[in-house]
Amino acid sequence: MNPPAPGLRIVLDTNVWLDWLVFDDPRVRPILTAAGEGQVRLFLDAPCADELMRALGYAFRGKRLALGDRQDLFTRCRNRAQWWETGVGGAGMELPACRDPDDQKFLQLSLSCDAHALVTRDRALLDLDRRRALRPRFRVLTPLQATRMIEDARPTCGDAAINFSRCHA
């Protein structure tokens, strides 16, 4: 059984993981910093992990990563993310079909782990959010939008608790 997680619950798609692991993209750093501070919980499941491992085997800027480097990067990901058994949770909502069937796994994980947001740069996934197809369950956000959501959810001095309900608005 998957335990509930405090803080904002976020799923990153493969390209956002790569932005952090391979390219050290500054747009993704605040999300990972918040995860390191415990304000954000990142989630990963077997289908998403399999895709990430395959993607780490691709050539980046004309160069393939050595197997050991790919394994090290994947370990960094696993150390930052909470493992989730997809299929637990998420009852009561039918998911829209993605234009790219390979993206469906991210929607399924987001629903299953009761994520506040799926973070992506994928236009087809972002269109689902613009159409409000997944609300009120979770949002589909760019890394910059997710950073704003995290900043908005930060407690101010003296706050005893954080109310994350507005993240689903």
N, C-alpha and C. Protein backbone atom coordinates (compact mmCIF):
# COMPACT_ATOMS: atom_id res chain seq x y z
N MET A 1 0.84 -1.19 0.00
CA MET A 1 0.00 0.00 0.00
C MET A 1 0.88 1.24 0.00
N ASN A 2 0.46 2.25 -0.74
CA ASN A 2 1.19 3.50 -0.82
C ASN A 2 0.79 4.42 0.32
N PRO A 3 1.76 4.93 1.10
CA PRO A 3 1.42 5.84 2.19
C PRO A 3 1.11 7.23 1.64
N PRO A 4 0.26 7.99 2.34
CA PRO A 4 0.00 9.37 1.91
C PRO A 4 1.27 10.19 2.08
N ALA A 5 1.41 11.19 1.26
CA ALA A 5 2.61 12.02 1.31
C ALA A 5 2.24 13.45 1.65
N PRO A 6 2.95 14.06 2.62
CA PRO A 6 2.71 15.46 2.92
C PRO A 6 3.29 16.34 1.83
N GLY A 7 2.88 17.58 1.79
CA GLY A 7 3.42 18.52 0.81
C GLY A 7 2.75 18.39 -0.53
N LEU A 8 3.19 19.21 -1.45
CA LEU A 8 2.68 19.15 -2.82
C LEU A 8 3.13 17.86 -3.46
N ARG A 9 2.23 17.20 -4.14
CA ARG A 9 2.55 15.95 -4.84
C ARG A 9 2.65 16.26 -6.32
N ILE A 10 3.80 15.93 -6.90
CA ILE A 10 4.08 16.29 -8.29
C ILE A 10 4.64 15.09 -9.05
N VAL A 11 4.19 14.96 -10.29
CA VAL A 11 4.73 13.98 -11.24
C VAL A 11 5.48 14.76 -12.31
N LEU A 12 6.69 14.34 -12.62
CA LEU A 12 7.47 14.93 -13.71
C LEU A 12 7.43 13.98 -14.89
N ASP A 13 7.25 14.51 -16.09
CA ASP A 13 7.35 13.64 -17.25
C ASP A 13 8.82 13.41 -17.58
N THR A 14 9.08 12.52 -18.49
CA THR A 14 10.46 12.12 -18.81
C THR A 14 11.33 13.30 -19.22
N ASN A 15 10.81 14.18 -20.06
CA ASN A 15 11.64 15.30 -20.51
C ASN A 15 12.01 16.25 -19.38
N VAL A 16 11.15 16.40 -18.41
CA VAL A 16 11.49 17.26 -17.27
C VAL A 16 12.54 16.59 -16.40
N TRP A 17 12.43 15.27 -16.20
CA TRP A 17 13.52 14.57 -15.50
C TRP A 17 14.84 14.75 -16.25
N LEU A 18 14.80 14.63 -17.58
CA LEU A 18 16.03 14.81 -18.37
C LEU A 18 16.56 16.24 -18.26
N ASP A 19 15.64 17.21 -18.23
CA ASP A 19 16.07 18.60 -18.07
C ASP A 19 16.92 18.76 -16.82
N TRP A 20 16.55 18.06 -15.75
CA TRP A 20 17.32 18.13 -14.51
C TRP A 20 18.56 17.26 -14.57
N LEU A 21 18.39 15.99 -14.88
CA LEU A 21 19.48 15.02 -14.77
C LEU A 21 20.59 15.23 -15.80
N VAL A 22 20.20 15.54 -17.03
CA VAL A 22 21.18 15.61 -18.11
C VAL A 22 21.60 17.04 -18.41
N PHE A 23 20.62 17.96 -18.41
CA PHE A 23 20.89 19.32 -18.89
C PHE A 23 20.99 20.36 -17.79
N ASP A 24 20.70 20.00 -16.55
CA ASP A 24 20.74 20.94 -15.42
C ASP A 24 20.01 22.24 -15.77
N ASP A 25 18.81 22.10 -16.30
CA ASP A 25 18.00 23.24 -16.73
C ASP A 25 17.58 24.07 -15.51
N PRO A 26 17.90 25.36 -15.50
CA PRO A 26 17.55 26.19 -14.34
C PRO A 26 16.04 26.32 -14.12
N ARG A 27 15.22 26.05 -15.13
CA ARG A 27 13.77 26.14 -14.96
C ARG A 27 13.24 25.00 -14.08
N VAL A 28 14.01 23.93 -13.96
CA VAL A 28 13.57 22.77 -13.19
C VAL A 28 14.16 22.78 -11.77
N ARG A 29 15.25 23.47 -11.59
CA ARG A 29 15.94 23.46 -10.29
C ARG A 29 15.05 23.81 -9.10
N PRO A 30 14.17 24.84 -9.19
CA PRO A 30 13.35 25.16 -8.01
C PRO A 30 12.44 24.00 -7.58
N ILE A 31 11.98 23.22 -8.53
CA ILE A 31 11.13 22.08 -8.20
C ILE A 31 11.94 21.05 -7.42
N LEU A 32 13.15 20.77 -7.90
CA LEU A 32 13.99 19.78 -7.23
C LEU A 32 14.49 20.29 -5.89
N THR A 33 14.74 21.59 -5.78
CA THR A 33 15.13 22.18 -4.50
C THR A 33 14.00 22.02 -3.49
N ALA A 34 12.78 22.33 -3.92
CA ALA A 34 11.62 22.17 -3.03
C ALA A 34 11.44 20.71 -2.63
N ALA A 35 11.73 19.80 -3.53
CA ALA A 35 11.64 18.37 -3.20
C ALA A 35 12.70 18.01 -2.15
N GLY A 36 13.89 18.54 -2.32
CA GLY A 36 14.95 18.28 -1.34
C GLY A 36 14.64 18.84 0.03
N GLU A 37 13.84 19.91 0.07
CA GLU A 37 13.45 20.55 1.33
C GLU A 37 12.20 19.91 1.94
N GLY A 38 11.60 18.96 1.22
CA GLY A 38 10.42 18.28 1.73
C GLY A 38 9.11 19.00 1.46
N GLN A 39 9.15 20.12 0.75
CA GLN A 39 7.93 20.84 0.43
C GLN A 39 7.16 20.17 -0.70
N VAL A 40 7.89 19.45 -1.53
CA VAL A 40 7.32 18.77 -2.69
C VAL A 40 7.68 17.30 -2.61
N ARG A 41 6.75 16.45 -3.00
CA ARG A 41 7.00 15.02 -3.13
C ARG A 41 6.86 14.68 -4.61
N LEU A 42 7.93 14.14 -5.16
CA LEU A 42 7.92 13.70 -6.56
C LEU A 42 7.59 12.22 -6.59
N PHE A 43 6.83 11.81 -7.60
CA PHE A 43 6.39 10.43 -7.69
C PHE A 43 6.85 9.80 -9.00
N LEU A 44 7.14 8.50 -8.91
CA LEU A 44 7.60 7.73 -10.05
C LEU A 44 7.03 6.33 -9.91
N ASP A 45 6.65 5.73 -11.03
CA ASP A 45 6.18 4.35 -11.03
C ASP A 45 6.94 3.57 -12.08
N ALA A 46 6.66 2.28 -12.19
CA ALA A 46 7.42 1.42 -13.10
C ALA A 46 7.33 1.86 -14.56
N PRO A 47 6.14 2.14 -15.12
CA PRO A 47 6.10 2.55 -16.53
C PRO A 47 6.88 3.84 -16.80
N CYS A 48 6.77 4.81 -15.90
CA CYS A 48 7.49 6.07 -16.09
C CYS A 48 9.00 5.88 -15.93
N ALA A 49 9.39 5.04 -14.97
CA ALA A 49 10.81 4.75 -14.75
C ALA A 49 11.41 4.03 -15.95
N ASP A 50 10.66 3.09 -16.52
CA ASP A 50 11.14 2.36 -17.70
C ASP A 50 11.40 3.33 -18.86
N GLU A 51 10.47 4.26 -19.07
CA GLU A 51 10.66 5.23 -20.15
C GLU A 51 11.87 6.12 -19.88
N LEU A 52 12.07 6.53 -18.64
CA LEU A 52 13.22 7.36 -18.31
C LEU A 52 14.52 6.60 -18.56
N MET A 53 14.60 5.35 -18.17
CA MET A 53 15.82 4.57 -18.42
C MET A 53 16.09 4.44 -19.91
N ARG A 54 15.04 4.20 -20.71
CA ARG A 54 15.23 4.15 -22.17
C ARG A 54 15.74 5.49 -22.69
N ALA A 55 15.14 6.58 -22.22
CA ALA A 55 15.52 7.91 -22.70
C ALA A 55 16.96 8.25 -22.32
N LEU A 56 17.40 7.80 -21.15
CA LEU A 56 18.79 8.06 -20.76
C LEU A 56 19.78 7.35 -21.70
N GLY A 57 19.31 6.38 -22.46
CA GLY A 57 20.16 5.68 -23.42
C GLY A 57 20.27 6.39 -24.77
N TYR A 58 19.47 7.45 -24.97
CA TYR A 58 19.52 8.19 -26.23
C TYR A 58 20.78 9.05 -26.28
N ALA A 59 21.13 9.50 -27.47
CA ALA A 59 22.26 10.42 -27.63
C ALA A 59 21.80 11.83 -27.27
N PHE A 60 22.59 12.53 -26.48
CA PHE A 60 22.33 13.92 -26.12
C PHE A 60 23.46 14.77 -26.67
N ARG A 61 23.08 15.72 -27.51
CA ARG A 61 24.08 16.59 -28.17
C ARG A 61 25.13 15.75 -28.87
N GLY A 62 24.66 14.68 -29.51
CA GLY A 62 25.52 13.83 -30.30
C GLY A 62 26.35 12.82 -29.52
N LYS A 63 26.12 12.72 -28.24
CA LYS A 63 26.94 11.82 -27.41
C LYS A 63 26.03 10.97 -26.52
N ARG A 64 26.31 9.67 -26.48
CA ARG A 64 25.58 8.76 -25.60
C ARG A 64 26.26 8.70 -24.24
N LEU A 65 25.43 8.60 -23.21
CA LEU A 65 25.96 8.44 -21.87
C LEU A 65 26.41 7.00 -21.67
N ALA A 66 27.50 6.82 -20.96
CA ALA A 66 27.96 5.47 -20.62
C ALA A 66 26.94 4.81 -19.70
N LEU A 67 26.88 3.50 -19.72
CA LEU A 67 25.92 2.75 -18.90
C LEU A 67 26.01 3.15 -17.43
N GLY A 68 27.22 3.25 -16.91
CA GLY A 68 27.40 3.63 -15.50
C GLY A 68 26.84 5.02 -15.21
N ASP A 69 27.03 5.95 -16.15
CA ASP A 69 26.50 7.31 -15.98
C ASP A 69 24.97 7.30 -16.01
N ARG A 70 24.39 6.49 -16.91
CA ARG A 70 22.93 6.38 -16.97
C ARG A 70 22.39 5.83 -15.66
N GLN A 71 23.06 4.81 -15.14
CA GLN A 71 22.61 4.21 -13.88
C GLN A 71 22.73 5.21 -12.73
N ASP A 72 23.81 5.99 -12.72
CA ASP A 72 23.98 7.00 -11.67
C ASP A 72 22.88 8.06 -11.74
N LEU A 73 22.56 8.51 -12.95
CA LEU A 73 21.50 9.51 -13.11
C LEU A 73 20.15 8.95 -12.67
N PHE A 74 19.89 7.70 -13.05
CA PHE A 74 18.63 7.09 -12.65
C PHE A 74 18.56 6.93 -11.13
N THR A 75 19.67 6.61 -10.50
CA THR A 75 19.71 6.51 -9.05
C THR A 75 19.40 7.86 -8.41
N ARG A 76 19.92 8.95 -8.98
CA ARG A 76 19.59 10.29 -8.47
C ARG A 76 18.09 10.52 -8.53
N CYS A 77 17.48 10.12 -9.63
CA CYS A 77 16.04 10.25 -9.80
C CYS A 77 15.31 9.44 -8.73
N ARG A 78 15.67 8.18 -8.59
CA ARG A 78 15.00 7.30 -7.61
C ARG A 78 15.19 7.80 -6.19
N ASN A 79 16.34 8.41 -5.89
CA ASN A 79 16.57 8.94 -4.55
C ASN A 79 15.71 10.17 -4.27
N ARG A 80 15.32 10.87 -5.31
CA ARG A 80 14.52 12.08 -5.14
C ARG A 80 13.02 11.79 -5.17
N ALA A 81 12.63 10.72 -5.85
CA ALA A 81 11.20 10.43 -6.06
C ALA A 81 10.71 9.34 -5.12
N GLN A 82 9.44 9.43 -4.80
CA GLN A 82 8.78 8.37 -4.04
C GLN A 82 8.22 7.36 -5.03
N TRP A 83 8.51 6.09 -4.80
CA TRP A 83 8.02 5.03 -5.69
C TRP A 83 6.53 4.83 -5.43
N TRP A 84 5.78 4.70 -6.50
CA TRP A 84 4.33 4.55 -6.38
C TRP A 84 3.86 3.34 -7.18
N GLU A 85 2.98 2.59 -6.59
CA GLU A 85 2.37 1.46 -7.29
C GLU A 85 1.12 1.98 -7.98
N THR A 86 1.19 2.23 -9.26
CA THR A 86 0.07 2.77 -10.01
C THR A 86 -1.09 1.80 -9.95
N GLY A 87 -2.27 2.35 -9.86
CA GLY A 87 -3.47 1.53 -9.73
C GLY A 87 -4.06 1.65 -8.34
N VAL A 88 -3.25 2.12 -7.38
CA VAL A 88 -3.74 2.36 -6.04
C VAL A 88 -4.19 3.81 -6.00
N GLY A 89 -5.44 4.05 -5.64
CA GLY A 89 -5.96 5.42 -5.59
C GLY A 89 -6.48 5.85 -6.95
N GLY A 90 -6.94 7.08 -7.01
CA GLY A 90 -7.40 7.64 -8.27
C GLY A 90 -8.79 7.21 -8.68
N ALA A 91 -9.56 6.66 -7.77
CA ALA A 91 -10.90 6.20 -8.13
C ALA A 91 -11.80 7.38 -8.43
N GLY A 92 -12.77 7.14 -9.27
CA GLY A 92 -13.80 8.13 -9.50
C GLY A 92 -13.55 9.09 -10.64
N MET A 93 -12.56 8.87 -11.46
CA MET A 93 -12.32 9.77 -12.56
C MET A 93 -11.82 8.99 -13.77
N GLU A 94 -12.45 9.23 -14.87
CA GLU A 94 -11.97 8.69 -16.14
C GLU A 94 -10.98 9.69 -16.73
N LEU A 95 -9.88 9.19 -17.21
CA LEU A 95 -8.87 10.07 -17.81
C LEU A 95 -9.16 10.26 -19.30
N PRO A 96 -8.93 11.47 -19.80
CA PRO A 96 -9.03 11.65 -21.25
C PRO A 96 -7.89 10.91 -21.93
N ALA A 97 -8.11 10.51 -23.16
CA ALA A 97 -7.05 9.83 -23.92
C ALA A 97 -6.08 10.88 -24.46
N CYS A 98 -4.79 10.61 -24.29
CA CYS A 98 -3.76 11.51 -24.83
C CYS A 98 -3.64 11.29 -26.33
N ARG A 99 -3.27 12.36 -27.03
CA ARG A 99 -2.99 12.21 -28.46
C ARG A 99 -1.82 11.27 -28.67
N ASP A 100 -0.83 11.34 -27.78
CA ASP A 100 0.31 10.43 -27.81
C ASP A 100 0.08 9.37 -26.74
N PRO A 101 -0.21 8.13 -27.13
CA PRO A 101 -0.50 7.09 -26.13
C PRO A 101 0.63 6.89 -25.12
N ASP A 102 1.87 7.23 -25.49
CA ASP A 102 2.99 7.10 -24.55
C ASP A 102 2.87 8.06 -23.37
N ASP A 103 2.06 9.11 -23.50
CA ASP A 103 1.90 10.08 -22.41
C ASP A 103 0.85 9.64 -21.39
N GLN A 104 0.04 8.66 -21.74
CA GLN A 104 -1.05 8.25 -20.85
C GLN A 104 -0.54 7.81 -19.49
N LYS A 105 0.62 7.20 -19.45
CA LYS A 105 1.19 6.71 -18.18
C LYS A 105 1.38 7.84 -17.17
N PHE A 106 1.70 9.05 -17.64
CA PHE A 106 1.91 10.18 -16.73
C PHE A 106 0.58 10.65 -16.13
N LEU A 107 -0.47 10.62 -16.94
CA LEU A 107 -1.80 10.95 -16.42
C LEU A 107 -2.24 9.90 -15.40
N GLN A 108 -1.99 8.64 -15.71
CA GLN A 108 -2.39 7.57 -14.80
C GLN A 108 -1.67 7.68 -13.46
N LEU A 109 -0.36 7.94 -13.50
CA LEU A 109 0.40 8.10 -12.26
C LEU A 109 -0.11 9.32 -11.49
N SER A 110 -0.35 10.42 -12.18
CA SER A 110 -0.82 11.65 -11.52
C SER A 110 -2.14 11.40 -10.81
N LEU A 111 -3.04 10.70 -11.46
CA LEU A 111 -4.33 10.40 -10.84
C LEU A 111 -4.15 9.43 -9.67
N SER A 112 -3.36 8.40 -9.87
CA SER A 112 -3.19 7.36 -8.86
C SER A 112 -2.56 7.89 -7.57
N CYS A 113 -1.57 8.76 -7.68
CA CYS A 113 -0.88 9.27 -6.49
C CYS A 113 -1.53 10.54 -5.95
N ASP A 114 -2.67 10.91 -6.54
CA ASP A 114 -3.40 12.11 -6.12
C ASP A 114 -2.50 13.34 -6.21
N ALA A 115 -1.81 13.46 -7.34
CA ALA A 115 -0.88 14.58 -7.55
C ALA A 115 -1.64 15.90 -7.62
N HIS A 116 -0.97 16.93 -7.20
CA HIS A 116 -1.47 18.28 -7.42
C HIS A 116 -1.18 18.70 -8.86
N ALA A 117 -0.06 18.19 -9.41
CA ALA A 117 0.32 18.62 -10.76
C ALA A 117 1.18 17.57 -11.46
N LEU A 118 1.02 17.53 -12.77
CA LEU A 118 1.92 16.85 -13.69
C LEU A 118 2.71 17.95 -14.37
N VAL A 119 4.04 17.88 -14.31
CA VAL A 119 4.90 18.92 -14.87
C VAL A 119 5.49 18.42 -16.18
N THR A 120 5.31 19.21 -17.21
CA THR A 120 5.71 18.82 -18.56
C THR A 120 5.93 20.06 -19.42
N ARG A 121 6.56 19.86 -20.56
CA ARG A 121 6.61 20.88 -21.60
C ARG A 121 5.87 20.39 -22.84
N ASP A 122 5.25 19.23 -22.74
CA ASP A 122 4.55 18.60 -23.85
C ASP A 122 3.25 19.36 -24.15
N ARG A 123 3.14 19.90 -25.36
CA ARG A 123 1.97 20.72 -25.74
C ARG A 123 0.65 19.95 -25.66
N ALA A 124 0.65 18.69 -26.06
CA ALA A 124 -0.60 17.92 -26.03
C ALA A 124 -1.08 17.74 -24.60
N LEU A 125 -0.17 17.48 -23.67
CA LEU A 125 -0.56 17.35 -22.27
C LEU A 125 -1.00 18.70 -21.70
N LEU A 126 -0.28 19.75 -22.03
CA LEU A 126 -0.64 21.08 -21.54
C LEU A 126 -2.01 21.52 -22.07
N ASP A 127 -2.36 21.08 -23.28
CA ASP A 127 -3.68 21.39 -23.83
C ASP A 127 -4.80 20.80 -22.98
N LEU A 128 -4.55 19.64 -22.38
CA LEU A 128 -5.56 19.03 -21.50
C LEU A 128 -5.87 19.96 -20.33
N ASP A 129 -4.85 20.64 -19.82
CA ASP A 129 -5.08 21.56 -18.72
C ASP A 129 -5.85 22.79 -19.19
N ARG A 130 -5.50 23.30 -20.36
CA ARG A 130 -6.20 24.47 -20.88
C ARG A 130 -7.68 24.16 -21.10
N ARG A 131 -7.98 22.92 -21.45
CA ARG A 131 -9.38 22.51 -21.65
C ARG A 131 -10.04 22.12 -20.34
N ARG A 132 -9.25 22.16 -19.24
CA ARG A 132 -9.75 21.81 -17.91
C ARG A 132 -10.24 20.36 -17.85
N ALA A 133 -9.66 19.51 -18.69
CA ALA A 133 -10.10 18.12 -18.78
C ALA A 133 -9.75 17.29 -17.54
N LEU A 134 -8.79 17.74 -16.75
CA LEU A 134 -8.33 16.95 -15.61
C LEU A 134 -8.66 17.59 -14.26
N ARG A 135 -9.18 18.78 -14.30
CA ARG A 135 -9.52 19.46 -13.05
C ARG A 135 -10.84 18.92 -12.55
N PRO A 136 -11.07 18.86 -11.29
CA PRO A 136 -10.28 19.42 -10.20
C PRO A 136 -9.23 18.46 -9.64
N ARG A 137 -9.01 17.30 -10.27
CA ARG A 137 -8.09 16.31 -9.70
C ARG A 137 -6.65 16.77 -9.68
N PHE A 138 -6.13 17.24 -10.82
CA PHE A 138 -4.76 17.74 -10.86
C PHE A 138 -4.59 18.66 -12.04
N ARG A 139 -3.51 19.42 -12.01
CA ARG A 139 -3.20 20.36 -13.08
C ARG A 139 -2.05 19.80 -13.91
N VAL A 140 -1.96 20.25 -15.15
CA VAL A 140 -0.82 19.96 -16.02
C VAL A 140 -0.14 21.29 -16.23
N LEU A 141 1.12 21.40 -15.77
CA LEU A 141 1.82 22.67 -15.72
C LEU A 141 3.19 22.59 -16.37
N THR A 142 3.66 23.72 -16.84
CA THR A 142 5.05 23.84 -17.28
C THR A 142 5.93 23.91 -16.03
N PRO A 143 7.24 23.72 -16.17
CA PRO A 143 8.11 23.88 -15.00
C PRO A 143 7.99 25.26 -14.35
N LEU A 144 7.86 26.31 -15.14
CA LEU A 144 7.73 27.66 -14.57
C LEU A 144 6.41 27.83 -13.82
N GLN A 145 5.33 27.29 -14.35
CA GLN A 145 4.04 27.35 -13.65
C GLN A 145 4.10 26.55 -12.35
N ALA A 146 4.76 25.41 -12.39
CA ALA A 146 4.89 24.59 -11.18
C ALA A 146 5.70 25.33 -10.12
N THR A 147 6.74 26.02 -10.54
CA THR A 147 7.54 26.81 -9.60
C THR A 147 6.69 27.87 -8.93
N ARG A 148 5.83 28.53 -9.70
CA ARG A 148 4.93 29.54 -9.11
C ARG A 148 3.96 28.88 -8.11
N MET A 149 3.44 27.71 -8.45
CA MET A 149 2.53 27.01 -7.55
C MET A 149 3.25 26.67 -6.24
N ILE A 150 4.50 26.22 -6.34
CA ILE A 150 5.29 25.89 -5.15
C ILE A 150 5.53 27.14 -4.31
N GLU A 151 5.89 28.23 -4.97
CA GLU A 151 6.13 29.48 -4.23
C GLU A 151 4.86 29.97 -3.55
N ASP A 152 3.72 29.84 -4.22
CA ASP A 152 2.43 30.27 -3.64
C ASP A 152 2.05 29.42 -2.44
N ALA A 153 2.50 28.17 -2.42
CA ALA A 153 2.13 27.25 -1.33
C ALA A 153 3.09 27.34 -0.15
N ARG A 154 4.19 28.06 -0.29
CA ARG A 154 5.15 28.16 0.81
C ARG A 154 4.52 28.88 1.99
N PRO A 155 4.73 28.34 3.18
CA PRO A 155 4.17 29.03 4.35
C PRO A 155 4.92 30.33 4.62
N THR A 156 4.23 31.28 5.15
CA THR A 156 4.88 32.51 5.59
C THR A 156 5.25 32.33 7.04
N CYS A 157 6.07 33.21 7.57
CA CYS A 157 6.49 33.11 8.97
C CYS A 157 5.26 33.03 9.87
N GLY A 158 5.24 32.06 10.74
CA GLY A 158 4.15 31.91 11.68
C GLY A 158 3.06 30.97 11.22
N ASP A 159 3.05 30.58 9.96
CA ASP A 159 2.03 29.63 9.50
C ASP A 159 2.28 28.28 10.14
N ALA A 160 1.27 27.72 10.76
CA ALA A 160 1.41 26.41 11.39
C ALA A 160 1.21 25.29 10.39
N ALA A 161 0.42 25.54 9.35
CA ALA A 161 0.13 24.50 8.37
C ALA A 161 -0.07 25.14 7.01
N ILE A 162 0.07 24.34 6.00
CA ILE A 162 -0.10 24.81 4.63
C ILE A 162 -1.41 24.25 4.11
N ASN A 163 -2.22 25.08 3.49
CA ASN A 163 -3.45 24.62 2.87
C ASN A 163 -3.20 24.47 1.38
N PHE A 164 -3.14 23.22 0.92
CA PHE A 164 -2.85 22.96 -0.48
C PHE A 164 -4.11 22.87 -1.34
N SER A 165 -5.27 23.07 -0.75
CA SER A 165 -6.50 22.89 -1.51
C SER A 165 -6.56 23.85 -2.70
N ARG A 166 -5.96 25.04 -2.58
CA ARG A 166 -6.01 25.98 -3.70
C ARG A 166 -5.22 25.49 -4.90
N CYS A 167 -4.35 24.52 -4.71
CA CYS A 167 -3.58 23.99 -5.83
C CYS A 167 -4.48 23.26 -6.82
N HIS A 168 -5.62 22.80 -6.38
CA HIS A 168 -6.55 22.09 -7.25
C HIS A 168 -7.55 23.03 -7.88
N ALA A 169 -7.52 24.29 -7.56
CA ALA A 169 -8.51 25.25 -8.08
C ALA A 169 -8.35 25.49 -9.55
